[in-house]
Amino acid sequence: MLPVIPYLLLTGRAAFFTSAAACGLGLFVVGALISMFTGRNMIFSALRMVGIGAIAATITFIVGRLLGVTVAG
């Protein structure tokens, strides 16, 4: 829900970058919390989660581009 809120309050690039930052922060926090259960370093787990999210977002973007999908702002 948090990454959608910027699109309700902002438009264009500001909404996109605010949403991306919210997603990154959310992934960082979840990765850090997971480290409590795995016993790994908190920063390592958090950055790993952010990296996996970034890879997933990139793949999704590329597939959308190949299919000709655009997002109206």
C-alpha atoms as a PDB file:
ATOM      1  CA  MET A   1       0.000   0.000   0.000  1.00  0.00           C
ATOM      2  CA  LEU A   2       2.786   2.405   0.883  1.00  0.00           C
ATOM      3  CA  PRO A   3       4.261   2.540  -2.668  1.00  0.00           C
ATOM      4  CA  VAL A   4       0.841   3.477  -4.104  1.00  0.00           C
ATOM      5  CA  ILE A   5       0.332   6.535  -1.882  1.00  0.00           C
ATOM      6  CA  PRO A   6       2.748   8.777  -3.866  1.00  0.00           C
ATOM      7  CA  TYR A   7       0.584   8.284  -6.959  1.00  0.00           C
ATOM      8  CA  LEU A   8      -2.406   9.603  -5.018  1.00  0.00           C
ATOM      9  CA  LEU A   9      -0.532  12.703  -3.889  1.00  0.00           C
ATOM     10  CA  LEU A  10       1.962  13.394  -6.693  1.00  0.00           C
ATOM     11  CA  THR A  11       2.238  13.061 -10.465  1.00  0.00           C
ATOM     12  CA  GLY A  12       4.867  12.125 -13.008  1.00  0.00           C
ATOM     13  CA  ARG A  13       8.491  11.587 -12.052  1.00  0.00           C
ATOM     14  CA  ALA A  14       8.015  12.785  -8.481  1.00  0.00           C
ATOM     15  CA  ALA A  15       5.438  10.054  -7.880  1.00  0.00           C
ATOM     16  CA  PHE A  16       7.618   7.416  -9.538  1.00  0.00           C
ATOM     17  CA  PHE A  17      10.777   8.220  -7.588  1.00  0.00           C
ATOM     18  CA  THR A  18       8.922   8.593  -4.293  1.00  0.00           C
ATOM     19  CA  SER A  19       7.247   5.237  -4.885  1.00  0.00           C
ATOM     20  CA  ALA A  20      10.573   3.619  -5.799  1.00  0.00           C
ATOM     21  CA  ALA A  21      12.137   4.978  -2.614  1.00  0.00           C
ATOM     22  CA  ALA A  22       9.224   3.646  -0.536  1.00  0.00           C
ATOM     23  CA  CYS A  23       9.610   0.215  -2.156  1.00  0.00           C
ATOM     24  CA  GLY A  24      13.348   0.224  -1.510  1.00  0.00           C
ATOM     25  CA  LEU A  25      12.837   1.199   2.111  1.00  0.00           C
ATOM     26  CA  GLY A  26      10.193  -1.495   2.563  1.00  0.00           C
ATOM     27  CA  LEU A  27      12.447  -4.154   1.046  1.00  0.00           C
ATOM     28  CA  PHE A  28      15.342  -2.989   3.212  1.00  0.00           C
ATOM     29  CA  VAL A  29      13.272  -3.283   6.391  1.00  0.00           C
ATOM     30  CA  VAL A  30      11.923  -6.727   5.461  1.00  0.00           C
ATOM     31  CA  GLY A  31      15.429  -7.935   4.635  1.00  0.00           C
ATOM     32  CA  ALA A  32      16.711  -6.651   7.961  1.00  0.00           C
ATOM     33  CA  LEU A  33      13.876  -8.372   9.823  1.00  0.00           C
ATOM     34  CA  ILE A  34      14.553 -11.648   8.020  1.00  0.00           C
ATOM     35  CA  SER A  35      18.108 -11.565   9.367  1.00  0.00           C
ATOM     36  CA  MET A  36      16.687 -12.103  12.851  1.00  0.00           C
ATOM     37  CA  PHE A  37      15.538 -15.568  11.767  1.00  0.00           C
ATOM     38  CA  THR A  38      18.452 -16.527   9.521  1.00  0.00           C
ATOM     39  CA  GLY A  39      21.298 -15.339  11.738  1.00  0.00           C
ATOM     40  CA  ARG A  40      22.957 -13.472   8.876  1.00  0.00           C
ATOM     41  CA  ASN A  41      24.312  -9.964   9.010  1.00  0.00           C
ATOM     42  CA  MET A  42      21.442  -7.452   9.057  1.00  0.00           C
ATOM     43  CA  ILE A  43      22.938  -5.141   6.413  1.00  0.00           C
ATOM     44  CA  PHE A  44      23.782  -8.084   4.128  1.00  0.00           C
ATOM     45  CA  SER A  45      20.234  -9.453   4.327  1.00  0.00           C
ATOM     46  CA  ALA A  46      18.670  -6.024   3.818  1.00  0.00           C
ATOM     47  CA  LEU A  47      20.813  -5.182   0.779  1.00  0.00           C
ATOM     48  CA  ARG A  48      20.251  -8.658  -0.633  1.00  0.00           C
ATOM     49  CA  MET A  49      16.498  -8.130  -0.441  1.00  0.00           C
ATOM     50  CA  VAL A  50      16.776  -4.707  -2.091  1.00  0.00           C
ATOM     51  CA  GLY A  51      18.931  -6.242  -4.839  1.00  0.00           C
ATOM     52  CA  ILE A  52      16.438  -9.025  -5.516  1.00  0.00           C
ATOM     53  CA  GLY A  53      13.627  -6.451  -5.664  1.00  0.00           C
ATOM     54  CA  ALA A  54      15.633  -4.301  -8.082  1.00  0.00           C
ATOM     55  CA  ILE A  55      16.272  -7.284 -10.355  1.00  0.00           C
ATOM     56  CA  ALA A  56      12.572  -8.208 -10.306  1.00  0.00           C
ATOM     57  CA  ALA A  57      11.579  -4.612 -11.122  1.00  0.00           C
ATOM     58  CA  THR A  58      14.089  -4.469 -13.984  1.00  0.00           C
ATOM     59  CA  ILE A  59      12.826  -7.713 -15.510  1.00  0.00           C
ATOM     60  CA  THR A  60       9.244  -6.507 -15.200  1.00  0.00           C
ATOM     61  CA  PHE A  61      10.156  -3.202 -16.851  1.00  0.00           C
ATOM     62  CA  ILE A  62      11.899  -4.955 -19.750  1.00  0.00           C
ATOM     63  CA  VAL A  63       8.989  -7.333 -20.344  1.00  0.00           C
ATOM     64  CA  GLY A  64       6.581  -4.387 -20.263  1.00  0.00           C
ATOM     65  CA  ARG A  65       8.725  -2.520 -22.782  1.00  0.00           C
ATOM     66  CA  LEU A  66       8.821  -5.543 -25.092  1.00  0.00           C
ATOM     67  CA  LEU A  67       5.046  -5.810 -24.924  1.00  0.00           C
ATOM     68  CA  GLY A  68       4.628  -2.079 -25.572  1.00  0.00           C
ATOM     69  CA  VAL A  69       3.084  -1.239 -22.204  1.00  0.00           C
ATOM     70  CA  THR A  70       3.138   2.397 -21.116  1.00  0.00           C
ATOM     71  CA  VAL A  71       2.093   4.024 -17.875  1.00  0.00           C
ATOM     72  CA  ALA A  72       0.154   7.257 -18.104  1.00  0.00           C
ATOM     73  CA  GLY A  73       1.249   9.847 -15.566  1.00  0.00           C
END
